[in-house]
Amino acid sequence: MRERMLAGDLYIADEELVGHMHRAAELMEAFNATSVNEPQRYRELLEQLLGAVGEDTYIRPPIRVDYGAHIRIGARSFANYGLVALDVAPITIGDDVQIGTNVQLLTPTHPIDPRLRRDKWEAAEPITIGDNVWLGSGAIVLAGVTIGENTVVGAGAVVTRDLPANVVAVGNPARVIRTIQPSAG
């Protein structure tokens, strides 16, 4: 089932997947309980929980993940309190990304067919966040979305489709309201 899950096919969480989720839950619990006076332990736990963590990246607890191992976050990025990153499929976050409070990155999908849902089938699609993106507080990024570099997503926006680089997007569903002209230098 793990191979099916990672391929984006329908799958049911079996004993192996439940074991991986249990490991992540234990690491999340330890990370979320780590004192600010223990920066080395904080970093060690974060590196054990996530697939990759770039240099000078900081995530304020609490964080919630499904597996953790499918999340890669670049250098110098910051996530404020309450990040939910459900990584049934890969979540890739670039360098210098700013993530506001209570942002949700949601890769899981569920079948429209009620019988399949009742039987606990699910799937997932990856999320990719480009370099230097800012996700405002409460933003929700749905399965299969890619957000281009330098883009700003307004607080509370629900991103249902890809966003290009260098734009500001707001609303539900998120829509582009302006283009950003990056400054020289």
Protein backbone atom coordinates (compact mmCIF):
# COMPACT_ATOMS: atom_id res chain seq x y z
CA MET A 1 0.00 0.00 0.00
CA ARG A 2 2.92 2.37 0.65
CA GLU A 3 4.00 2.19 -3.00
CA ARG A 4 0.43 2.88 -4.12
CA MET A 5 0.21 5.84 -1.73
CA LEU A 6 3.48 7.38 -2.93
CA ALA A 7 2.46 6.87 -6.57
CA GLY A 8 -0.76 8.83 -5.98
CA ASP A 9 -2.96 5.76 -6.46
CA LEU A 10 -5.87 4.77 -4.24
CA TYR A 11 -4.68 2.95 -1.14
CA ILE A 12 -5.82 1.88 2.32
CA ALA A 13 -3.58 2.55 5.33
CA ASP A 14 -2.20 -0.86 6.26
CA GLU A 15 -0.10 -1.97 9.23
CA GLU A 16 3.14 -0.67 7.68
CA LEU A 17 1.69 2.80 7.07
CA VAL A 18 0.15 2.92 10.53
CA GLY A 19 3.61 2.10 11.93
CA HIS A 20 5.13 5.03 10.03
CA MET A 21 2.37 7.33 11.30
CA HIS A 22 2.93 6.11 14.87
CA ARG A 23 6.68 6.92 14.58
CA ALA A 24 5.82 10.41 13.32
CA ALA A 25 3.32 10.90 16.15
CA GLU A 26 5.97 10.06 18.75
CA LEU A 27 8.49 12.45 17.17
CA MET A 28 5.83 15.20 16.87
CA GLU A 29 4.94 14.79 20.53
CA ALA A 30 8.59 15.09 21.57
CA PHE A 31 9.27 18.03 19.21
CA ASN A 32 6.15 19.91 20.27
CA ALA A 33 7.12 19.47 23.96
CA THR A 34 10.75 20.57 23.54
CA SER A 35 11.76 23.62 25.57
CA VAL A 36 13.01 26.73 23.82
CA ASN A 37 16.06 26.25 26.08
CA GLU A 38 16.99 23.05 24.18
CA PRO A 39 17.81 24.27 20.64
CA GLN A 40 20.04 21.29 19.83
CA ARG A 41 17.34 18.76 20.83
CA TYR A 42 14.77 20.81 18.90
CA ARG A 43 16.88 20.62 15.72
CA GLU A 44 17.66 16.90 16.15
CA LEU A 45 13.98 16.03 16.55
CA LEU A 46 12.98 18.17 13.58
CA GLU A 47 15.60 16.45 11.40
CA GLN A 48 14.35 13.04 12.54
CA LEU A 49 10.72 13.99 11.88
CA LEU A 50 11.07 15.61 8.45
CA GLY A 51 12.63 14.23 5.27
CA ALA A 52 14.97 17.24 4.92
CA VAL A 53 15.44 20.52 6.78
CA GLY A 54 17.62 23.28 5.35
CA GLU A 55 20.16 25.34 7.23
CA ASP A 56 18.77 28.10 9.46
CA THR A 57 15.20 26.89 9.01
CA TYR A 58 12.95 27.23 12.04
CA ILE A 59 9.49 25.79 12.70
CA ARG A 60 7.66 26.93 15.83
CA PRO A 61 5.78 24.14 17.57
CA PRO A 62 3.24 22.77 17.40
CA ILE A 63 3.51 21.07 14.05
CA ARG A 64 1.18 18.30 12.82
CA VAL A 65 2.12 15.82 10.08
CA ASP A 66 1.00 12.40 8.88
CA TYR A 67 4.45 10.92 8.20
CA GLY A 68 6.92 13.81 8.26
CA ALA A 69 9.37 11.86 6.10
CA HIS A 70 7.72 13.17 2.91
CA ILE A 71 8.35 16.84 3.81
CA ARG A 72 11.40 18.69 2.49
CA ILE A 73 11.93 22.30 3.53
CA GLY A 74 14.75 24.47 2.24
CA ALA A 75 17.19 26.83 3.91
CA ARG A 76 16.28 29.95 5.88
CA SER A 77 12.57 29.17 5.91
CA PHE A 78 10.25 29.88 8.82
CA ALA A 79 6.93 28.39 9.88
CA ASN A 80 4.99 30.02 12.69
CA TYR A 81 2.79 28.25 15.25
CA GLY A 82 0.31 25.60 14.17
CA LEU A 83 1.60 24.31 10.82
CA VAL A 84 -0.41 21.31 9.60
CA ALA A 85 1.44 19.52 6.79
CA LEU A 86 -0.37 16.29 5.89
CA ASP A 87 2.32 14.58 3.83
CA VAL A 88 0.61 11.53 2.39
CA ALA A 89 2.27 12.72 -0.85
CA PRO A 90 5.50 14.76 -0.93
CA ILE A 91 5.47 18.35 0.30
CA THR A 92 8.40 20.38 -1.03
CA ILE A 93 9.00 23.82 0.46
CA GLY A 94 11.73 26.02 -1.03
CA ASP A 95 14.33 28.32 0.48
CA ASP A 96 13.41 31.56 2.29
CA VAL A 97 9.72 30.64 2.61
CA GLN A 98 7.62 32.39 5.27
CA ILE A 99 4.62 30.43 6.63
CA GLY A 100 2.14 32.21 8.90
CA THR A 101 0.25 30.78 11.84
CA ASN A 102 -2.19 27.91 11.34
CA VAL A 103 -1.32 27.26 7.69
CA GLN A 104 -2.49 23.92 6.28
CA LEU A 105 -0.73 22.00 3.50
CA LEU A 106 -3.10 19.15 2.63
CA THR A 107 -2.00 16.45 0.17
CA PRO A 108 -4.72 13.82 0.89
CA THR A 109 -7.67 13.36 -1.43
CA HIS A 110 -10.68 11.11 -1.07
CA PRO A 111 -12.82 9.41 -3.72
CA ILE A 112 -16.09 10.94 -4.83
CA ASP A 113 -17.59 7.44 -4.88
CA PRO A 114 -19.24 6.96 -1.46
CA ARG A 115 -18.58 3.20 -1.45
CA LEU A 116 -14.84 3.73 -1.86
CA ARG A 117 -14.83 6.37 0.91
CA ARG A 118 -16.80 4.07 3.20
CA ASP A 119 -14.24 1.33 2.52
CA LYS A 120 -11.48 3.80 3.60
CA TRP A 121 -9.73 4.22 0.23
CA GLU A 122 -7.83 7.46 -0.21
CA ALA A 123 -5.10 8.99 -2.38
CA ALA A 124 -2.87 12.06 -2.41
CA GLU A 125 -1.20 14.58 -4.70
CA PRO A 126 2.04 16.48 -3.96
CA ILE A 127 2.36 20.13 -2.98
CA THR A 128 5.29 22.30 -4.10
CA ILE A 129 6.03 25.73 -2.63
CA GLY A 130 8.67 27.75 -4.53
CA ASP A 131 11.49 29.83 -3.08
CA ASN A 132 10.69 33.06 -1.23
CA VAL A 133 6.93 32.41 -1.01
CA TRP A 134 4.91 33.93 1.83
CA LEU A 135 1.83 32.02 2.99
CA GLY A 136 -0.31 34.27 5.18
CA SER A 137 -1.88 33.03 8.42
CA GLY A 138 -4.67 30.54 7.99
CA ALA A 139 -3.93 29.86 4.32
CA ILE A 140 -4.89 26.41 3.05
CA VAL A 141 -3.03 24.79 0.15
CA LEU A 142 -4.83 21.79 -1.35
CA ALA A 143 -3.52 18.61 -2.95
CA GLY A 144 -1.69 18.89 -6.26
CA VAL A 145 -0.92 22.61 -6.02
CA THR A 146 2.35 24.28 -7.02
CA ILE A 147 3.04 27.87 -5.94
CA GLY A 148 5.69 29.75 -7.92
CA GLU A 149 8.62 31.64 -6.40
CA ASN A 150 8.13 35.02 -4.74
CA THR A 151 4.36 34.61 -4.62
CA VAL A 152 2.35 35.93 -1.67
CA VAL A 153 -0.79 34.09 -0.57
CA GLY A 154 -3.07 36.23 1.58
CA ALA A 155 -4.25 35.26 5.04
CA GLY A 156 -7.16 32.81 4.95
CA ALA A 157 -6.83 32.09 1.23
CA VAL A 158 -7.71 28.62 -0.06
CA VAL A 159 -5.36 27.64 -2.87
CA THR A 160 -7.13 25.11 -5.09
CA ARG A 161 -5.04 25.56 -8.28
CA ASP A 162 -1.43 26.32 -9.18
CA LEU A 163 -0.25 29.90 -8.71
CA PRO A 164 2.46 31.39 -10.96
CA ALA A 165 5.60 33.09 -9.72
CA ASN A 166 5.59 36.74 -8.65
CA VAL A 167 1.91 37.29 -7.85
CA VAL A 168 -0.33 38.11 -4.90
CA ALA A 169 -3.33 35.80 -4.52
CA VAL A 170 -6.21 36.08 -2.04
CA GLY A 171 -9.66 34.66 -1.38
CA ASN A 172 -11.55 31.40 -1.54
CA PRO A 173 -10.74 30.05 -3.99
CA ALA A 174 -7.50 32.02 -4.20
CA ARG A 175 -7.24 34.27 -7.23
CA VAL A 176 -4.42 36.47 -8.45
CA ILE A 177 -5.06 40.15 -7.73
CA ARG A 178 -1.73 41.61 -8.81
CA THR A 179 1.72 40.91 -10.19
CA ILE A 180 4.88 41.54 -8.16
CA GLN A 181 7.83 43.24 -9.82
CA PRO A 182 10.84 41.97 -7.83
CA SER A 183 13.31 44.71 -6.95
CA ALA A 184 16.78 44.62 -8.45
CA GLY A 185 19.61 43.41 -6.29
